[in-house]
C-alpha atoms as a PDB file:
ATOM      1  CA  UNK A   1       0.000   0.000   0.000  1.00  0.00           C
ATOM      2  CA  UNK A   2       2.891   2.377   0.775  1.00  0.00           C
ATOM      3  CA  UNK A   3       4.425   1.937  -2.677  1.00  0.00           C
ATOM      4  CA  UNK A   4       1.080   2.720  -4.293  1.00  0.00           C
ATOM      5  CA  UNK A   5       0.753   5.905  -2.201  1.00  0.00           C
ATOM      6  CA  UNK A   6       4.265   7.018  -3.154  1.00  0.00           C
ATOM      7  CA  UNK A   7       3.464   6.458  -6.832  1.00  0.00           C
ATOM      8  CA  UNK A   8       0.321   8.604  -6.581  1.00  0.00           C
ATOM      9  CA  UNK A   9       2.227  11.373  -4.757  1.00  0.00           C
ATOM     10  CA  UNK A  10       4.978  11.237  -7.394  1.00  0.00           C
ATOM     11  CA  UNK A  11       2.483  11.475 -10.275  1.00  0.00           C
ATOM     12  CA  UNK A  12       0.638  14.380  -8.605  1.00  0.00           C
ATOM     13  CA  UNK A  13       3.963  16.170  -7.982  1.00  0.00           C
ATOM     14  CA  UNK A  14       4.946  15.781 -11.648  1.00  0.00           C
ATOM     15  CA  UNK A  15       1.544  17.067 -12.825  1.00  0.00           C
ATOM     16  CA  UNK A  16       1.795  20.004 -10.396  1.00  0.00           C
ATOM     17  CA  UNK A  17       5.287  20.805 -11.644  1.00  0.00           C
ATOM     18  CA  UNK A  18       4.103  20.801 -15.262  1.00  0.00           C
ATOM     19  CA  UNK A  19       1.198  23.116 -14.371  1.00  0.00           C
ATOM     20  CA  UNK A  20       3.509  25.543 -12.524  1.00  0.00           C
ATOM     21  CA  UNK A  21       6.010  25.452 -15.394  1.00  0.00           C
ATOM     22  CA  UNK A  22       3.181  26.247 -17.816  1.00  0.00           C
ATOM     23  CA  UNK A  23       2.144  29.298 -15.762  1.00  0.00           C
ATOM     24  CA  UNK A  24       5.770  30.495 -15.539  1.00  0.00           C
ATOM     25  CA  UNK A  25       6.266  30.131 -19.300  1.00  0.00           C
ATOM     26  CA  UNK A  26       2.970  31.909 -19.999  1.00  0.00           C
ATOM     27  CA  UNK A  27       3.961  34.820 -17.739  1.00  0.00           C
ATOM     28  CA  UNK A  28       7.429  34.941 -19.318  1.00  0.00           C
ATOM     29  CA  UNK A  29       6.089  35.131 -22.874  1.00  0.00           C
ATOM     30  CA  UNK A  30       3.422  37.647 -21.835  1.00  0.00           C
ATOM     31  CA  UNK A  31       6.153  39.929 -20.442  1.00  0.00           C
ATOM     32  CA  UNK A  32       8.694  39.223 -23.191  1.00  0.00           C
ATOM     33  CA  UNK A  33       7.305  41.846 -25.602  1.00  0.00           C
ATOM     34  CA  UNK A  34       7.346  44.791 -23.162  1.00  0.00           C
ATOM     35  CA  UNK A  35      10.771  43.762 -21.832  1.00  0.00           C
ATOM     36  CA  UNK A  36      12.234  43.699 -25.367  1.00  0.00           C
ATOM     37  CA  UNK A  37      10.681  47.082 -26.171  1.00  0.00           C
ATOM     38  CA  UNK A  38      12.054  48.610 -22.962  1.00  0.00           C
ATOM     39  CA  UNK A  39      15.492  47.129 -23.726  1.00  0.00           C
ATOM     40  CA  UNK A  40      15.507  48.609 -27.244  1.00  0.00           C
ATOM     41  CA  UNK A  41      14.398  52.002 -25.881  1.00  0.00           C
ATOM     42  CA  UNK A  42      17.203  51.960 -23.284  1.00  0.00           C
ATOM     43  CA  UNK A  43      19.783  51.072 -25.949  1.00  0.00           C
ATOM     44  CA  UNK A  44      18.625  53.928 -28.199  1.00  0.00           C
ATOM     45  CA  UNK A  45      18.680  56.308 -25.201  1.00  0.00           C
ATOM     46  CA  UNK A  46      22.240  55.253 -24.256  1.00  0.00           C
ATOM     47  CA  UNK A  47      23.456  55.576 -27.865  1.00  0.00           C
ATOM     48  CA  UNK A  48      21.859  59.036 -28.136  1.00  0.00           C
ATOM     49  CA  UNK A  49      23.623  60.259 -25.011  1.00  0.00           C
ATOM     50  CA  UNK A  50      26.904  58.621 -26.055  1.00  0.00           C
ATOM     51  CA  UNK A  51      26.825  60.468 -29.405  1.00  0.00           C
ATOM     52  CA  UNK A  52      25.790  63.726 -27.730  1.00  0.00           C
ATOM     53  CA  UNK A  53      28.566  63.416 -25.171  1.00  0.00           C
ATOM     54  CA  UNK A  54      31.294  62.714 -27.760  1.00  0.00           C
ATOM     55  CA  UNK A  55      30.300  65.729 -29.887  1.00  0.00           C
ATOM     56  CA  UNK A  56      31.231  68.203 -27.111  1.00  0.00           C
END
């Protein structure tokens, strides 16, 4: 009976892990677009100030 209980707990843990991983991946891809846009904006901002600083 103990082996059967361990098997059920193991299967439930694996299913729970897959569900959590799915939520994490969904949140990551949902935030990926804004993060990329912010990163591009920061790069343009840094390049603008770098050019402005070197022209002095």
